[in-house]
Amino acid sequence: MSKYLSIRYNNGALPKSPLFVEDEFQSSPLSRETFISSLRQLLDTLGYNTVKFCGHSFRIGAATSAAACGVEDHIIQTLGRWSSDCYIRYIRTDAKVLKRAQHDMYLSAPHEDPKNPSLNELIDKDEFSLQYVSIDDAIRTIKSLGFKSWLLKTDIADAFKVMPLSPMLWPFHGIKWDDRYYFFNKLVFGCRSSPKIFDTLSQAICWIAQNNYNIEHILHLLDDFLVIVPEQDNAQQTMNTFLDIFKSLGVPLSFKKTEGPCHKLEYLGIFLDTINMEAYLPLEKDNQLWKKLDEGTIWDLKSRVPFTEQCQQKPNRSAFDAIIVWKGKEGAKRSTGGVAYDYILKPASDNVLPRPISPPKEKPITQEEIFRKLKAAEERRQSLEQQKVQFAAKEKNRVQEVLAKSMEEEEKFAREVKAKLRRSLEVTKENRNMQIQALQEKLRDHAKHIEDVCKASENLGKISERKIILKMENALKIVRNITEPYKIVFEGTCKNDFKKC
């Protein structure tokens, strides 16, 4: 702590500057929880009872709120609001750097002023160069998939604010607003490496969609995604799957810019129509361009294109052919609207005949001309008939393929059902045989048990009969033994009585 305070004092930190915690990798602002925990440890070391102390007075309120200076949080993603150039003072120890920093020095903002350094000067152009898709890529894909292809479009919300910056780079991405310093913790617009870093997220999403979900035709320009689906595929299911990928990854989408599935939508400022197979500018942009052409300085280009006298007096759209070229940043400096265009007309040629002032007189129609027109009309009719026949044959082949595929799937399903029923019947038969065998075994055991019981009962009857006979014999013996003396006396008495008689 003493070493840190000495560094702060030597670097000229103000009393209002926030404290910093330094570890082996980086330095970060001291949080309220870390500060209170350190104080409690210090009080414990000194022998105080920390239960009697609380950190209620150490509050973080409006001093760290971006809205306190009138800046909305979703516009400037900042780490905090501090009233000092704390990062610059702590990291830059050179006195000259400190002196320049005190005069509104923005080390993280891009400048074209050679006197002010820029963070972009430290970033290699070749390493972070990026090749964007064009509207030609979308047109090429639509042509390959054919008529009535489905178009799906979505856009990542807040773009660069989805990608966090490494805390080690926060000190280099600072701005000054209302005499206070803010530090970005998300990708910054204007930074040379931001598009390439953000494009890695878009590439990862496209890779997941193509390899894991079989969504083949995807075009993206940073946060703008265009999915093209063939007519015969389920476009709504593809749309739901594609949106679920963003939801599962936690990437927010702008539902205002989510369209489809449909056959016509606007992508990169151009309307794509897969029914008429057209690509055209929106009506508003088209009118603006024609307005610029009508108001352009055509008189400065008279030497390049031979106009008629009537066209020079009142130029119109049909008087020339032009290519509109965007001048980019160089032209934007000269344009009040921020975007500049240049009108490049067709180059003049020495052997071009002057255009007539008045329209040519009508030529009489000859029989050869009539025959030629009839022949051309017949050729066009035959060509249209041939196209219709080809289209009908193509549709017939497609229907046959669909029917064949449907029949194949039905046959496959029937085979699977039959196999499943056969397996089920075999299992049922086996279970029934096992149940019958178990019942027969149970009946045999029961019959055997009955036979054993009968034998046991028969044996028990014989034993009981013998016991009864034995008991009766014993009883007779006892009776004889008891009645034998009385029998002798009775017989003697009877004899005496007989003699008397």
Protein backbone atom coordinates (compact mmCIF):
# COMPACT_ATOMS: atom_id res chain seq x y z
CA MET A 1 0.00 0.00 0.00
CA SER A 2 2.80 2.42 0.88
CA LYS A 3 4.54 1.64 -2.41
CA TYR A 4 1.31 2.28 -4.30
CA LEU A 5 0.62 5.56 -2.49
CA SER A 6 4.15 6.74 -3.24
CA ILE A 7 3.63 5.98 -6.94
CA ARG A 8 0.38 7.94 -6.88
CA TYR A 9 2.06 10.86 -5.16
CA ASN A 10 5.02 10.88 -7.58
CA ASN A 11 2.70 10.73 -10.60
CA GLY A 12 0.72 13.71 -9.38
CA ALA A 13 -2.64 12.02 -8.83
CA LEU A 14 -5.37 14.30 -7.56
CA PRO A 15 -7.19 13.62 -4.27
CA LYS A 16 -10.35 12.89 -6.29
CA SER A 17 -8.61 10.26 -8.41
CA PRO A 18 -9.86 6.71 -7.79
CA LEU A 19 -7.57 4.18 -6.16
CA PHE A 20 -6.22 1.27 -8.19
CA VAL A 21 -5.55 -2.35 -7.36
CA GLU A 22 -2.47 -3.79 -9.05
CA ASP A 23 -1.84 -7.48 -9.70
CA GLU A 24 0.68 -9.30 -11.88
CA PHE A 25 -1.39 -8.86 -15.05
CA GLN A 26 -3.13 -5.49 -14.93
CA SER A 27 -4.29 -2.56 -12.84
CA SER A 28 -7.99 -1.96 -12.25
CA PRO A 29 -9.99 0.61 -10.23
CA LEU A 30 -10.46 -0.26 -6.59
CA SER A 31 -14.03 -1.48 -6.00
CA ARG A 32 -16.11 -0.79 -2.91
CA GLU A 33 -16.15 -4.45 -1.83
CA THR A 34 -12.37 -4.83 -2.14
CA PHE A 35 -11.78 -1.61 -0.22
CA ILE A 36 -14.12 -2.57 2.66
CA SER A 37 -12.63 -6.10 2.81
CA SER A 38 -9.11 -4.67 3.02
CA LEU A 39 -10.17 -2.31 5.83
CA ARG A 40 -11.70 -5.19 7.79
CA GLN A 41 -8.49 -7.22 7.45
CA LEU A 42 -6.48 -4.23 8.65
CA LEU A 43 -8.79 -3.77 11.68
CA ASP A 44 -8.55 -7.48 12.49
CA THR A 45 -4.77 -7.24 12.38
CA LEU A 46 -4.84 -4.28 14.78
CA GLY A 47 -7.07 -6.22 17.20
CA TYR A 48 -10.36 -4.37 16.67
CA ASN A 49 -13.75 -6.07 16.61
CA THR A 50 -14.89 -5.66 13.00
CA VAL A 51 -18.49 -6.58 13.86
CA LYS A 52 -18.97 -3.07 15.24
CA PHE A 53 -17.92 -1.48 11.94
CA CYS A 54 -19.89 -1.28 8.69
CA GLY A 55 -19.22 0.09 5.20
CA HIS A 56 -22.45 2.03 4.83
CA SER A 57 -20.67 5.35 4.28
CA PHE A 58 -18.64 4.03 1.33
CA ARG A 59 -21.26 4.56 -1.37
CA ILE A 60 -21.05 4.53 -5.15
CA GLY A 61 -23.71 6.81 -6.55
CA ALA A 62 -23.95 9.60 -9.11
CA ALA A 63 -20.19 9.94 -9.33
CA THR A 64 -20.04 6.72 -11.38
CA SER A 65 -23.18 7.29 -13.45
CA ALA A 66 -22.83 8.17 -17.13
CA ALA A 67 -26.25 9.81 -17.12
CA ALA A 68 -25.08 12.44 -14.61
CA CYS A 69 -23.51 14.45 -17.45
CA GLY A 70 -26.41 13.95 -19.88
CA VAL A 71 -24.97 10.97 -21.76
CA GLU A 72 -27.19 7.89 -22.09
CA ASP A 73 -25.71 4.57 -21.00
CA HIS A 74 -26.55 2.80 -24.27
CA ILE A 75 -24.64 5.45 -26.27
CA ILE A 76 -21.42 5.43 -24.26
CA GLN A 77 -20.48 2.13 -22.65
CA THR A 78 -18.11 3.26 -19.94
CA LEU A 79 -16.38 1.82 -16.95
CA GLY A 80 -17.03 4.75 -14.65
CA ARG A 81 -17.12 8.52 -14.33
CA TRP A 82 -14.06 10.03 -12.73
CA SER A 83 -13.01 13.63 -12.43
CA SER A 84 -9.33 12.99 -13.14
CA ASP A 85 -7.17 11.50 -15.85
CA CYS A 86 -6.42 8.61 -13.52
CA TYR A 87 -5.53 6.00 -16.14
CA ILE A 88 -3.13 8.31 -17.93
CA ARG A 89 -1.48 9.47 -14.71
CA TYR A 90 -1.08 5.98 -13.37
CA ILE A 91 0.19 4.32 -16.54
CA ARG A 92 2.18 7.20 -18.07
CA THR A 93 4.95 8.27 -15.73
CA ASP A 94 6.82 10.52 -18.13
CA ALA A 95 6.47 14.20 -17.14
CA LYS A 96 6.11 15.28 -20.79
CA VAL A 97 3.26 12.86 -21.29
CA LEU A 98 1.56 14.12 -18.14
CA LYS A 99 1.91 17.70 -19.33
CA ARG A 100 0.34 16.88 -22.70
CA ALA A 101 -2.42 14.86 -21.05
CA GLN A 102 -3.49 17.86 -19.01
CA HIS A 103 -4.25 19.76 -22.25
CA ASP A 104 -7.19 17.60 -23.40
CA MET A 105 -5.02 14.82 -24.82
CA TYR A 106 -7.07 11.84 -26.12
CA LEU A 107 -4.75 8.88 -26.47
CA SER A 108 -7.50 6.49 -27.63
CA ALA A 109 -9.26 8.63 -30.24
CA PRO A 110 -8.26 8.47 -33.95
CA HIS A 111 -6.86 11.69 -35.39
CA GLU A 112 -5.41 12.76 -38.69
CA ASP A 113 -3.42 15.48 -37.01
CA PRO A 114 0.27 14.46 -37.00
CA LYS A 115 0.75 16.37 -33.74
CA ASN A 116 -1.69 14.08 -31.90
CA PRO A 117 -0.95 10.35 -31.79
CA SER A 118 -3.72 7.84 -32.46
CA LEU A 119 -4.39 4.36 -31.17
CA ASN A 120 -4.94 3.25 -34.78
CA GLU A 121 -1.28 4.00 -35.51
CA LEU A 122 -0.38 1.01 -33.32
CA ILE A 123 -2.65 -1.39 -35.24
CA ASP A 124 -1.39 -3.11 -38.40
CA LYS A 125 -3.63 -2.44 -41.42
CA ASP A 126 -2.81 -5.71 -43.18
CA GLU A 127 -3.45 -7.83 -40.10
CA PHE A 128 -6.90 -6.36 -39.52
CA SER A 129 -7.93 -5.81 -43.13
CA LEU A 130 -11.36 -7.18 -44.02
CA GLN A 131 -13.07 -8.00 -47.30
CA TYR A 132 -16.80 -7.35 -47.20
CA VAL A 133 -19.50 -9.08 -49.20
CA SER A 134 -21.24 -7.13 -51.94
CA ILE A 135 -24.67 -7.15 -53.49
CA ASP A 136 -23.15 -9.09 -56.41
CA ASP A 137 -22.52 -12.05 -54.08
CA ALA A 138 -26.20 -12.09 -53.12
CA ILE A 139 -27.29 -11.85 -56.78
CA ARG A 140 -24.92 -14.66 -57.73
CA THR A 141 -26.35 -16.92 -55.01
CA ILE A 142 -29.94 -16.13 -56.03
CA LYS A 143 -29.16 -16.97 -59.66
CA SER A 144 -27.63 -20.29 -58.62
CA LEU A 145 -30.68 -21.26 -56.50
CA GLY A 146 -33.18 -20.17 -59.12
CA PHE A 147 -36.62 -18.67 -59.43
CA LYS A 148 -38.70 -17.83 -56.28
CA SER A 149 -35.89 -18.38 -53.80
CA TRP A 150 -36.74 -17.45 -50.22
CA LEU A 151 -34.95 -14.50 -48.59
CA LEU A 152 -34.36 -14.13 -44.83
CA LYS A 153 -32.68 -11.15 -43.16
CA THR A 154 -31.67 -10.23 -39.60
CA ASP A 155 -29.32 -7.84 -37.83
CA ILE A 156 -27.38 -7.97 -34.55
CA ALA A 157 -28.53 -5.26 -32.15
CA ASP A 158 -25.94 -2.75 -30.91
CA ALA A 159 -23.24 -4.48 -33.01
CA PHE A 160 -19.87 -3.61 -31.41
CA LYS A 161 -21.39 -3.35 -27.91
CA VAL A 162 -21.80 -7.13 -27.90
CA MET A 163 -18.03 -7.71 -27.91
CA PRO A 164 -16.22 -6.87 -24.63
CA LEU A 165 -12.74 -5.39 -24.50
CA SER A 166 -9.98 -6.98 -22.47
CA PRO A 167 -9.54 -5.06 -19.18
CA MET A 168 -5.88 -4.62 -20.12
CA LEU A 169 -7.00 -2.41 -23.05
CA TRP A 170 -9.46 -0.22 -21.12
CA PRO A 171 -6.84 2.44 -20.30
CA PHE A 172 -6.14 2.97 -24.02
CA HIS A 173 -9.79 3.50 -25.00
CA GLY A 174 -10.65 6.68 -23.15
CA ILE A 175 -12.54 9.86 -24.01
CA LYS A 176 -13.03 13.17 -22.27
CA TRP A 177 -16.52 14.60 -21.84
CA ASP A 178 -17.51 17.59 -19.75
CA ASP A 179 -14.08 17.65 -18.03
CA ARG A 180 -14.44 14.03 -17.02
CA TYR A 181 -12.84 10.87 -18.38
CA TYR A 182 -14.69 7.79 -19.63
CA PHE A 183 -13.19 4.43 -20.60
CA PHE A 184 -14.82 2.04 -23.05
CA ASN A 185 -15.20 -1.61 -22.05
CA LYS A 186 -16.74 -2.69 -25.40
CA LEU A 187 -15.46 -2.47 -28.99
CA VAL A 188 -15.14 1.15 -30.12
CA PHE A 189 -16.40 2.60 -33.40
CA GLY A 190 -13.50 4.11 -35.29
CA CYS A 191 -10.92 1.66 -33.99
CA ARG A 192 -9.09 -0.07 -36.84
CA SER A 193 -9.28 -3.54 -35.30
CA SER A 194 -12.95 -3.43 -34.24
CA PRO A 195 -14.52 -4.65 -37.55
CA LYS A 196 -12.16 -7.63 -37.87
CA ILE A 197 -12.66 -8.64 -34.23
CA PHE A 198 -16.44 -8.35 -34.51
CA ASP A 199 -16.43 -10.27 -37.80
CA THR A 200 -15.01 -13.30 -35.98
CA LEU A 201 -18.33 -13.54 -34.10
CA SER A 202 -20.31 -13.34 -37.36
CA GLN A 203 -18.07 -15.97 -38.97
CA ALA A 204 -18.56 -18.27 -35.98
CA ILE A 205 -22.35 -17.92 -36.24
CA CYS A 206 -22.24 -18.69 -39.98
CA TRP A 207 -20.01 -21.74 -39.35
CA ILE A 208 -22.40 -23.08 -36.70
CA ALA A 209 -25.40 -22.56 -39.00
CA GLN A 210 -23.73 -24.22 -41.99
CA ASN A 211 -22.07 -27.18 -40.25
CA ASN A 212 -24.47 -27.96 -37.39
CA TYR A 213 -27.84 -26.98 -38.88
CA ASN A 214 -27.24 -27.42 -42.65
CA ILE A 215 -28.11 -23.80 -43.50
CA GLU A 216 -25.86 -23.50 -46.55
CA HIS A 217 -26.33 -20.11 -48.22
CA ILE A 218 -25.51 -17.34 -45.70
CA LEU A 219 -24.05 -13.90 -46.45
CA HIS A 220 -23.02 -11.43 -43.77
CA LEU A 221 -21.58 -7.95 -43.69
CA LEU A 222 -20.46 -7.50 -40.07
CA ASP A 223 -23.82 -7.52 -38.23
CA ASP A 224 -26.14 -7.86 -41.29
CA PHE A 225 -27.09 -11.45 -42.22
CA LEU A 226 -28.85 -12.65 -45.37
CA VAL A 227 -29.99 -16.28 -45.74
CA ILE A 228 -31.14 -17.54 -49.15
CA VAL A 229 -33.22 -20.73 -49.22
CA PRO A 230 -34.31 -22.69 -52.33
CA GLU A 231 -38.00 -22.63 -53.19
CA GLN A 232 -38.63 -26.29 -52.35
CA ASP A 233 -37.15 -26.06 -48.82
CA ASN A 234 -39.03 -25.11 -45.64
CA ALA A 235 -38.02 -21.46 -45.31
CA GLN A 236 -39.98 -20.81 -42.10
CA GLN A 237 -38.26 -23.68 -40.32
CA THR A 238 -34.89 -22.39 -41.54
CA MET A 239 -35.77 -18.92 -40.22
CA ASN A 240 -36.74 -20.29 -36.80
CA THR A 241 -33.58 -22.39 -36.59
CA PHE A 242 -31.37 -19.46 -37.59
CA LEU A 243 -32.93 -17.16 -34.97
CA ASP A 244 -32.63 -19.89 -32.32
CA ILE A 245 -28.87 -19.98 -32.94
CA PHE A 246 -28.59 -16.32 -31.90
CA LYS A 247 -30.85 -16.94 -28.90
CA SER A 248 -28.82 -19.92 -27.69
CA LEU A 249 -25.57 -17.94 -28.04
CA GLY A 250 -27.02 -14.94 -26.20
CA VAL A 251 -26.52 -12.58 -29.16
CA PRO A 252 -29.27 -9.90 -29.24
CA LEU A 253 -31.10 -9.25 -32.52
CA SER A 254 -32.82 -6.17 -33.90
CA PHE A 255 -36.32 -7.43 -34.66
CA LYS A 256 -37.08 -4.20 -36.54
CA LYS A 257 -34.51 -5.28 -39.13
CA THR A 258 -35.56 -8.95 -39.15
CA GLU A 259 -37.58 -9.87 -42.25
CA GLY A 260 -38.66 -13.02 -44.04
CA PRO A 261 -39.19 -15.49 -45.31
CA CYS A 262 -40.27 -13.57 -48.40
CA HIS A 263 -39.41 -13.14 -52.08
CA LYS A 264 -38.50 -9.43 -51.95
CA LEU A 265 -36.54 -7.43 -49.38
CA GLU A 266 -33.89 -4.73 -49.08
CA TYR A 267 -30.29 -5.78 -48.45
CA LEU A 268 -27.33 -3.38 -48.41
CA GLY A 269 -29.56 -0.62 -49.76
CA ILE A 270 -30.71 -2.65 -52.80
CA PHE A 271 -34.07 -4.37 -53.27
CA LEU A 272 -33.77 -8.05 -54.28
CA ASP A 273 -36.79 -9.60 -56.04
CA THR A 274 -36.60 -13.37 -56.67
CA ILE A 275 -39.96 -13.54 -58.49
CA ASN A 276 -39.05 -11.06 -61.24
CA MET A 277 -35.33 -11.80 -60.76
CA GLU A 278 -34.53 -8.09 -60.37
CA ALA A 279 -32.25 -5.94 -58.24
CA TYR A 280 -33.11 -2.25 -58.04
CA LEU A 281 -32.74 0.83 -55.88
CA PRO A 282 -35.54 1.88 -53.52
CA LEU A 283 -37.83 4.52 -54.99
CA GLU A 284 -36.63 7.19 -52.57
CA LYS A 285 -32.96 6.67 -53.44
CA ASP A 286 -33.79 6.49 -57.14
CA ASN A 287 -35.59 9.84 -57.01
CA GLN A 288 -32.72 11.38 -55.07
CA LEU A 289 -30.18 10.24 -57.66
CA TRP A 290 -32.27 11.53 -60.56
CA LYS A 291 -32.67 14.80 -58.72
CA LYS A 292 -28.90 15.04 -58.35
CA LEU A 293 -28.49 14.24 -62.04
CA ASP A 294 -31.06 16.85 -63.06
CA GLU A 295 -29.37 19.47 -60.88
CA GLY A 296 -25.81 18.45 -61.81
CA THR A 297 -23.34 20.64 -63.68
CA ILE A 298 -23.81 19.05 -67.09
CA TRP A 299 -22.50 22.19 -68.84
CA ASP A 300 -19.00 21.41 -67.58
CA LEU A 301 -19.11 18.07 -69.40
CA LYS A 302 -20.27 19.28 -72.83
CA SER A 303 -16.87 18.59 -74.38
CA ARG A 304 -17.04 14.92 -73.32
CA VAL A 305 -20.43 14.00 -74.81
CA PRO A 306 -21.92 15.48 -78.02
CA PHE A 307 -25.38 16.74 -76.97
CA THR A 308 -27.91 18.23 -79.32
CA GLU A 309 -28.77 21.89 -79.03
CA GLN A 310 -32.15 21.02 -77.54
CA CYS A 311 -30.56 18.79 -74.89
CA GLN A 312 -28.00 21.47 -74.00
CA GLN A 313 -30.76 23.99 -73.43
CA LYS A 314 -32.88 21.64 -71.31
CA PRO A 315 -31.09 18.47 -70.19
CA ASN A 316 -33.21 15.51 -69.12
CA ARG A 317 -32.76 11.88 -68.10
CA SER A 318 -32.79 10.50 -71.61
CA ALA A 319 -30.08 12.90 -72.82
CA PHE A 320 -27.15 10.86 -71.47
CA ASP A 321 -26.05 7.62 -69.84
CA ALA A 322 -24.08 7.94 -66.61
CA ILE A 323 -22.42 5.79 -63.98
CA ILE A 324 -22.72 7.00 -60.38
CA VAL A 325 -19.48 6.42 -58.45
CA TRP A 326 -19.20 6.99 -54.70
CA LYS A 327 -16.16 9.10 -53.97
CA GLY A 328 -15.70 7.82 -50.41
CA LYS A 329 -14.01 9.82 -47.66
CA GLU A 330 -12.15 12.14 -50.05
CA GLY A 331 -15.36 13.26 -51.69
CA ALA A 332 -17.14 13.52 -48.35
CA LYS A 333 -14.84 16.39 -47.39
CA ARG A 334 -16.23 18.49 -50.22
CA SER A 335 -19.85 17.44 -49.71
CA THR A 336 -22.16 19.15 -47.26
CA GLY A 337 -24.22 15.98 -46.80
CA GLY A 338 -21.30 13.75 -45.78
CA VAL A 339 -21.45 11.59 -48.95
CA ALA A 340 -20.16 12.61 -52.37
CA TYR A 341 -20.91 11.18 -55.82
CA ASP A 342 -19.28 11.79 -59.17
CA TYR A 343 -21.03 11.60 -62.55
CA ILE A 344 -18.96 9.70 -65.10
CA LEU A 345 -20.59 9.97 -68.52
CA LYS A 346 -19.88 7.83 -71.53
CA PRO A 347 -16.60 8.99 -73.15
CA ALA A 348 -16.87 10.90 -76.40
CA SER A 349 -15.77 9.36 -79.67
CA ASP A 350 -14.40 11.07 -82.83
CA ASN A 351 -16.48 9.03 -85.28
CA VAL A 352 -19.81 9.56 -83.53
CA LEU A 353 -22.33 11.17 -85.86
CA PRO A 354 -24.17 14.23 -84.53
CA ARG A 355 -27.66 13.53 -83.36
CA PRO A 356 -30.42 15.11 -85.50
CA ILE A 357 -32.24 18.04 -84.01
CA SER A 358 -35.64 16.88 -85.24
CA PRO A 359 -36.82 13.27 -85.27
CA PRO A 360 -36.43 11.44 -88.60
CA LYS A 361 -39.41 11.13 -90.90
CA GLU A 362 -41.31 7.91 -90.90
CA LYS A 363 -40.23 5.48 -93.60
CA PRO A 364 -42.87 3.66 -95.65
CA ILE A 365 -43.43 0.10 -94.51
CA THR A 366 -42.44 -2.38 -97.21
CA GLN A 367 -43.44 -5.98 -97.68
CA GLU A 368 -39.95 -7.11 -96.70
CA GLU A 369 -40.21 -5.12 -93.45
CA ILE A 370 -43.58 -6.72 -92.72
CA PHE A 371 -42.18 -10.17 -93.49
CA ARG A 372 -39.15 -9.51 -91.28
CA LYS A 373 -41.33 -8.35 -88.37
CA LEU A 374 -43.65 -11.32 -88.78
CA LYS A 375 -40.66 -13.64 -88.82
CA ALA A 376 -39.22 -11.98 -85.70
CA ALA A 377 -42.61 -12.24 -83.98
CA GLU A 378 -42.86 -15.91 -84.94
CA GLU A 379 -39.37 -16.52 -83.57
CA ARG A 380 -40.30 -14.78 -80.34
CA ARG A 381 -43.50 -16.84 -80.12
CA GLN A 382 -41.59 -20.06 -80.72
CA SER A 383 -39.01 -19.01 -78.16
CA LEU A 384 -41.74 -18.31 -75.61
CA GLU A 385 -43.43 -21.61 -76.43
CA GLN A 386 -40.12 -23.40 -76.02
CA GLN A 387 -39.54 -21.67 -72.70
CA LYS A 388 -43.04 -22.67 -71.56
CA VAL A 389 -42.43 -26.26 -72.65
CA GLN A 390 -39.08 -26.31 -70.86
CA PHE A 391 -40.64 -24.82 -67.76
CA ALA A 392 -43.51 -27.33 -67.89
CA ALA A 393 -41.04 -30.19 -68.38
CA LYS A 394 -38.97 -28.90 -65.49
CA GLU A 395 -42.06 -28.64 -63.30
CA LYS A 396 -43.14 -32.13 -64.38
CA ASN A 397 -39.72 -33.54 -63.56
CA ARG A 398 -39.79 -31.77 -60.22
CA VAL A 399 -43.27 -33.16 -59.44
CA GLN A 400 -42.13 -36.63 -60.49
CA GLU A 401 -39.06 -36.33 -58.30
CA VAL A 402 -41.23 -35.21 -55.40
CA LEU A 403 -43.67 -38.08 -55.99
CA ALA A 404 -40.83 -40.57 -56.33
CA LYS A 405 -39.25 -39.27 -53.17
CA SER A 406 -42.62 -39.41 -51.40
CA MET A 407 -43.25 -42.98 -52.58
CA GLU A 408 -39.74 -43.97 -51.56
CA GLU A 409 -40.28 -42.48 -48.12
CA GLU A 410 -43.67 -44.22 -47.83
CA GLU A 411 -42.13 -47.56 -48.85
CA LYS A 412 -39.32 -47.03 -46.39
CA PHE A 413 -41.83 -46.18 -43.69
CA ALA A 414 -43.93 -49.26 -44.57
CA ARG A 415 -40.84 -51.50 -44.42
CA GLU A 416 -39.88 -50.05 -41.07
CA VAL A 417 -43.44 -50.53 -39.75
CA LYS A 418 -43.54 -54.14 -41.00
CA ALA A 419 -40.18 -54.89 -39.45
CA LYS A 420 -41.29 -53.29 -36.21
CA LEU A 421 -44.56 -55.28 -36.20
CA ARG A 422 -42.67 -58.49 -37.00
CA ARG A 423 -40.28 -57.88 -34.12
CA SER A 424 -43.22 -57.05 -31.87
CA LEU A 425 -45.06 -60.26 -32.84
CA GLU A 426 -41.94 -62.34 -32.28
CA VAL A 427 -41.43 -60.79 -28.87
CA THR A 428 -45.12 -61.33 -28.03
CA LYS A 429 -44.93 -64.98 -29.15
CA GLU A 430 -41.81 -65.57 -27.11
CA ASN A 431 -43.41 -63.96 -24.07
CA ARG A 432 -46.58 -66.07 -24.53
CA ASN A 433 -44.56 -69.30 -24.82
CA MET A 434 -42.63 -68.38 -21.73
CA GLN A 435 -45.87 -67.68 -19.86
CA ILE A 436 -47.39 -71.02 -20.98
CA GLN A 437 -44.24 -72.89 -19.93
CA ALA A 438 -44.26 -71.14 -16.58
CA LEU A 439 -47.98 -72.01 -16.09
CA GLN A 440 -47.39 -75.66 -17.03
CA GLU A 441 -44.47 -75.86 -14.64
CA LYS A 442 -46.65 -74.36 -11.94
CA LEU A 443 -49.45 -76.89 -12.64
CA ARG A 444 -46.97 -79.80 -12.50
CA ASP A 445 -45.68 -78.55 -9.18
CA HIS A 446 -49.25 -78.24 -7.91
CA ALA A 447 -50.18 -81.79 -9.03
CA LYS A 448 -47.06 -83.16 -7.41
CA HIS A 449 -47.92 -81.34 -4.23
CA ILE A 450 -51.46 -82.82 -4.29
CA GLU A 451 -50.05 -86.32 -4.82
CA ASP A 452 -47.65 -85.83 -1.93
CA VAL A 453 -50.50 -84.62 0.26
CA CYS A 454 -52.65 -87.65 -0.69
CA LYS A 455 -49.84 -90.06 0.09
CA ALA A 456 -49.19 -88.32 3.34
CA SER A 457 -52.93 -88.50 4.18
CA GLU A 458 -53.09 -92.23 3.34
CA ASN A 459 -50.05 -92.98 5.45
CA LEU A 460 -51.50 -90.90 8.25
CA GLY A 461 -54.80 -92.91 8.06
CA LYS A 462 -52.98 -96.24 8.30
CA ILE A 463 -50.93 -95.01 11.20
CA SER A 464 -54.03 -93.69 12.92
CA GLU A 465 -55.87 -97.04 12.34
CA ARG A 466 -53.00 -99.00 13.83
CA LYS A 467 -52.87 -96.65 16.76
CA ILE A 468 -56.64 -97.03 17.32
CA ILE A 469 -56.46 -100.85 17.10
CA LEU A 470 -53.51 -100.86 19.44
CA LYS A 471 -55.35 -98.62 21.87
CA MET A 472 -58.46 -100.86 21.70
CA GLU A 473 -56.37 -103.94 22.33
CA ASN A 474 -54.75 -102.27 25.28
CA ALA A 475 -58.15 -101.20 26.54
CA LEU A 476 -59.49 -104.78 26.25
CA LYS A 477 -56.51 -106.11 28.11
CA ILE A 478 -57.11 -103.60 30.86
CA VAL A 479 -60.79 -104.52 30.98
CA ARG A 480 -59.95 -108.26 31.18
CA ASN A 481 -57.48 -107.63 33.90
CA ILE A 482 -60.09 -105.69 35.86
CA THR A 483 -63.02 -108.10 35.29
CA GLU A 484 -61.08 -111.37 35.78
CA PRO A 485 -61.43 -111.50 39.65
CA TYR A 486 -65.11 -110.70 39.52
CA LYS A 487 -65.59 -113.44 36.98
CA ILE A 488 -64.07 -116.06 39.30
CA VAL A 489 -66.21 -114.98 42.27
CA PHE A 490 -69.33 -114.92 40.12
CA GLU A 491 -68.69 -118.36 38.76
CA GLY A 492 -68.19 -119.76 42.34
CA THR A 493 -71.35 -118.16 43.60
CA CYS A 494 -73.35 -119.53 40.78
CA LYS A 495 -72.09 -123.04 41.42
CA ASN A 496 -73.05 -122.88 45.14
CA ASP A 497 -76.49 -121.60 44.30
CA PHE A 498 -76.97 -124.38 41.82
CA LYS A 499 -76.08 -127.00 44.42
CA LYS A 500 -78.60 -125.61 46.84
CA CYS A 501 -81.19 -125.82 44.29
